[in-house]
C-alpha atoms as a PDB file:
ATOM      1  CA  MET A   1      29.856  -4.719   3.967  1.00  0.00           C
ATOM      2  CA  ALA A   2      27.746  -3.142   6.980  1.00  0.00           C
ATOM      3  CA  ASP A   3      26.690  -5.588   9.679  1.00  0.00           C
ATOM      4  CA  GLY A   4      23.166  -6.470   9.492  1.00  0.00           C
ATOM      5  CA  THR A   5      23.112  -5.935   5.579  1.00  0.00           C
ATOM      6  CA  CYS A   6      23.684  -7.801   2.137  1.00  0.00           C
ATOM      7  CA  ARG A   7      23.287  -6.975  -1.391  1.00  0.00           C
ATOM      8  CA  VAL A   8      19.808  -7.152  -3.304  1.00  0.00           C
ATOM      9  CA  ASP A   9      20.888  -9.630  -5.831  1.00  0.00           C
ATOM     10  CA  SER A  10      22.277 -11.510  -3.756  1.00  0.00           C
ATOM     11  CA  TRP A  11      19.389 -11.882  -1.588  1.00  0.00           C
ATOM     12  CA  LEU A  12      17.163 -12.745  -4.296  1.00  0.00           C
ATOM     13  CA  TRP A  13      19.257 -15.157  -5.588  1.00  0.00           C
ATOM     14  CA  SER A  14      19.644 -16.612  -1.890  1.00  0.00           C
ATOM     15  CA  ALA A  15      16.286 -16.898  -1.097  1.00  0.00           C
ATOM     16  CA  ARG A  16      15.639 -18.708  -4.727  1.00  0.00           C
ATOM     17  CA  LEU A  17      13.715 -16.061  -6.474  1.00  0.00           C
ATOM     18  CA  PHE A  18      15.908 -16.413  -9.067  1.00  0.00           C
ATOM     19  CA  LYS A  19      18.150 -19.407 -10.724  1.00  0.00           C
ATOM     20  CA  THR A  20      21.485 -17.237 -11.081  1.00  0.00           C
ATOM     21  CA  ARG A  21      22.661 -14.321  -8.967  1.00  0.00           C
ATOM     22  CA  ALA A  22      23.757 -12.836 -12.887  1.00  0.00           C
ATOM     23  CA  ALA A  23      19.638 -13.250 -13.811  1.00  0.00           C
ATOM     24  CA  ALA A  24      18.578 -11.386 -10.572  1.00  0.00           C
ATOM     25  CA  SER A  25      21.434  -8.884 -11.535  1.00  0.00           C
ATOM     26  CA  THR A  26      19.880  -8.503 -14.967  1.00  0.00           C
ATOM     27  CA  ALA A  27      16.705  -8.097 -13.538  1.00  0.00           C
ATOM     28  CA  CYS A  28      17.232  -5.233 -10.933  1.00  0.00           C
ATOM     29  CA  LYS A  29      19.552  -3.477 -14.077  1.00  0.00           C
ATOM     30  CA  GLY A  30      16.232  -3.712 -16.031  1.00  0.00           C
ATOM     31  CA  GLY A  31      13.956  -1.995 -13.636  1.00  0.00           C
ATOM     32  CA  HIS A  32      11.936  -4.992 -12.777  1.00  0.00           C
ATOM     33  CA  VAL A  33      12.999  -4.868  -8.715  1.00  0.00           C
ATOM     34  CA  ARG A  34      11.725  -2.187  -6.242  1.00  0.00           C
ATOM     35  CA  VAL A  35      12.727  -1.700  -2.752  1.00  0.00           C
ATOM     36  CA  ASN A  36      10.525   0.334  -0.565  1.00  0.00           C
ATOM     37  CA  GLY A  37       8.848   1.396  -3.547  1.00  0.00           C
ATOM     38  CA  THR A  38      12.314   2.639  -5.268  1.00  0.00           C
ATOM     39  CA  VAL A  39      13.769   1.040  -8.323  1.00  0.00           C
ATOM     40  CA  VAL A  40      17.223  -0.355  -6.884  1.00  0.00           C
ATOM     41  CA  LYS A  41      20.836  -1.491  -8.693  1.00  0.00           C
ATOM     42  CA  PRO A  42      21.821  -4.820  -7.759  1.00  0.00           C
ATOM     43  CA  ALA A  43      24.360  -3.429  -5.188  1.00  0.00           C
ATOM     44  CA  ARG A  44      21.176  -1.929  -3.176  1.00  0.00           C
ATOM     45  CA  LEU A  45      22.205  -2.919   0.840  1.00  0.00           C
ATOM     46  CA  LEU A  46      18.743  -4.799   1.938  1.00  0.00           C
ATOM     47  CA  SER A  47      17.993  -4.852   5.744  1.00  0.00           C
ATOM     48  CA  VAL A  48      14.955  -6.745   7.566  1.00  0.00           C
ATOM     49  CA  GLY A  49      12.020  -5.412   7.279  1.00  0.00           C
ATOM     50  CA  ASP A  50      12.263  -3.919   3.277  1.00  0.00           C
ATOM     51  CA  GLU A  51       9.695  -4.770   1.190  1.00  0.00           C
ATOM     52  CA  ILE A  52      10.297  -5.979  -2.189  1.00  0.00           C
ATOM     53  CA  HIS A  53       8.564  -6.189  -5.565  1.00  0.00           C
ATOM     54  CA  VAL A  54      10.202  -7.935  -8.012  1.00  0.00           C
ATOM     55  CA  ARG A  55       9.127  -9.090 -11.656  1.00  0.00           C
ATOM     56  CA  VAL A  56       9.498 -12.957 -12.132  1.00  0.00           C
ATOM     57  CA  ALA A  57       7.982 -14.745 -14.860  1.00  0.00           C
ATOM     58  CA  ASP A  58       5.455 -12.442 -16.126  1.00  0.00           C
ATOM     59  CA  ARG A  59       4.245 -12.500 -12.437  1.00  0.00           C
ATOM     60  CA  GLU A  60       4.615  -9.651  -9.346  1.00  0.00           C
ATOM     61  CA  ARG A  61       6.347 -11.146  -6.378  1.00  0.00           C
ATOM     62  CA  ILE A  62       5.911  -8.920  -3.257  1.00  0.00           C
ATOM     63  CA  VAL A  63       7.971 -10.185  -0.229  1.00  0.00           C
ATOM     64  CA  GLU A  64       9.301  -8.867   3.023  1.00  0.00           C
ATOM     65  CA  VAL A  65      13.020  -9.334   4.094  1.00  0.00           C
ATOM     66  CA  ALA A  66      12.702 -11.908   7.423  1.00  0.00           C
ATOM     67  CA  ARG A  67      16.237 -12.621   7.933  1.00  0.00           C
ATOM     68  CA  LEU A  68      19.157 -11.963   5.604  1.00  0.00           C
ATOM     69  CA  ILE A  69      21.342 -14.335   3.641  1.00  0.00           C
ATOM     70  CA  THR A  70      23.926 -14.263   1.478  1.00  0.00           C
ATOM     71  CA  LYS A  71      24.539 -18.030   0.338  1.00  0.00           C
ATOM     72  CA  ARG A  72      22.006 -20.286  -1.505  1.00  0.00           C
ATOM     73  CA  VAL A  73      19.917 -22.228   0.982  1.00  0.00           C
ATOM     74  CA  GLY A  74      17.564 -24.814   0.567  1.00  0.00           C
ATOM     75  CA  ALA A  75      13.974 -24.110  -0.698  1.00  0.00           C
ATOM     76  CA  PRO A  76      12.474 -24.760   2.994  1.00  0.00           C
ATOM     77  CA  VAL A  77      14.892 -22.445   4.510  1.00  0.00           C
ATOM     78  CA  ALA A  78      14.585 -19.697   1.842  1.00  0.00           C
ATOM     79  CA  ALA A  79      10.971 -19.596   3.124  1.00  0.00           C
ATOM     80  CA  GLU A  80      11.709 -18.877   6.258  1.00  0.00           C
ATOM     81  CA  CYS A  81      14.081 -15.787   5.273  1.00  0.00           C
ATOM     82  CA  MET A  82      10.930 -14.422   3.639  1.00  0.00           C
ATOM     83  CA  ILE A  83       7.423 -13.338   4.110  1.00  0.00           C
ATOM     84  CA  ASP A  84       5.389 -13.848   0.814  1.00  0.00           C
ATOM     85  CA  ARG A  85       2.487 -11.572   0.486  1.00  0.00           C
ATOM     86  CA  SER A  86       2.022 -12.060  -3.202  1.00  0.00           C
ATOM     87  CA  PRO A  87      -1.243 -12.332  -4.878  1.00  0.00           C
ATOM     88  CA  PRO A  88      -2.475 -15.203  -5.870  1.00  0.00           C
ATOM     89  CA  PRO A  89      -1.288 -16.290  -9.449  1.00  0.00           C
ATOM     90  CA  PRO A  90      -4.408 -16.060 -12.145  1.00  0.00           C
ATOM     91  CA  PRO A  91      -6.416 -19.188 -12.818  1.00  0.00           C
ATOM     92  CA  LYS A  92      -4.860 -20.999 -16.053  1.00  0.00           C
ATOM     93  CA  GLU A  93      -8.319 -20.275 -17.180  1.00  0.00           C
ATOM     94  CA  LEU A  94      -8.192 -16.772 -17.414  1.00  0.00           C
ATOM     95  CA  ARG A  95      -4.371 -16.748 -18.530  1.00  0.00           C
ATOM     96  CA  ALA A  96      -4.264 -16.042 -22.521  1.00  0.00           C
ATOM     97  CA  ALA A  97      -3.622 -19.265 -24.356  1.00  0.00           C
ATOM     98  CA  VAL A  98      -0.563 -19.724 -26.224  1.00  0.00           C
ATOM     99  CA  PRO A  99      -0.893 -21.029 -29.986  1.00  0.00           C
ATOM    100  CA  VAL A 100       0.489 -24.129 -30.448  1.00  0.00           C
ATOM    101  CA  ARG A 101       1.824 -25.175 -33.923  1.00  0.00           C
ATOM    102  CA  ASP A 102       1.654 -28.735 -35.275  1.00  0.00           C
ATOM    103  CA  ARG A 103       5.511 -30.296 -34.865  1.00  0.00           C
ATOM    104  CA  GLY A 104       7.542 -29.783 -38.509  1.00  0.00           C
ATOM    105  CA  ALA A 105       4.755 -27.393 -39.895  1.00  0.00           C
ATOM    106  CA  GLY A 106       7.256 -25.025 -40.622  1.00  0.00           C
ATOM    107  CA  ARG A 107       7.217 -21.095 -40.129  1.00  0.00           C
ATOM    108  CA  PRO A 108       4.326 -19.177 -39.497  1.00  0.00           C
ATOM    109  CA  THR A 109       2.982 -17.758 -42.299  1.00  0.00           C
ATOM    110  CA  LYS A 110       1.783 -13.819 -42.328  1.00  0.00           C
ATOM    111  CA  ARG A 111      -1.531 -14.619 -41.471  1.00  0.00           C
ATOM    112  CA  ASP A 112      -0.611 -17.317 -38.682  1.00  0.00           C
ATOM    113  CA  ARG A 113       1.538 -14.423 -37.136  1.00  0.00           C
ATOM    114  CA  ARG A 114      -1.534 -11.982 -37.401  1.00  0.00           C
ATOM    115  CA  GLU A 115      -3.635 -14.223 -35.819  1.00  0.00           C
ATOM    116  CA  MET A 116      -1.208 -15.296 -32.955  1.00  0.00           C
ATOM    117  CA  GLU A 117      -0.947 -11.540 -31.946  1.00  0.00           C
ATOM    118  CA  ARG A 118      -5.183 -11.036 -32.200  1.00  0.00           C
ATOM    119  CA  LEU A 119      -4.871 -14.048 -29.990  1.00  0.00           C
ATOM    120  CA  ARG A 120      -2.174 -12.714 -27.638  1.00  0.00           C
ATOM    121  CA  GLY A 121      -4.088  -9.532 -27.678  1.00  0.00           C
ATOM    122  CA  ARG A 122      -1.352  -7.312 -28.947  1.00  0.00           C
ATOM    123  CA  ARG A 123      -3.638  -6.006 -32.153  1.00  0.00           C
ATOM    124  CA  GLY A 124      -7.054  -4.866 -32.406  1.00  0.00           C
ATOM    125  CA  GLY A 125      -7.739  -6.323 -35.466  1.00  0.00           C
END
């Protein structure tokens, strides 16, 4: 590895954006990670100043690489390794409410599934 570079999946894991390196690698393979506007593979080398757009848990994170790290570090140190430019998460009131079934109520009926899909906005009717 060249001096002053590290793999994107390793950096994402080290900077605590993903819980495991395998999860970071899977996100790269799935097209959820862009570096400087380009979808990248897990082995893409990063350098200081690169801008990373990553989709984590249904939220778009935009971070700039401030320091390269290859080993997982504590949260305070990880925060120093990146400049977070992500938009704030939407308020809880604006997020779609997930319908909750009573414990032990069994499988949802077809009618229940249609209602859940309507609440999630997946169907028009």
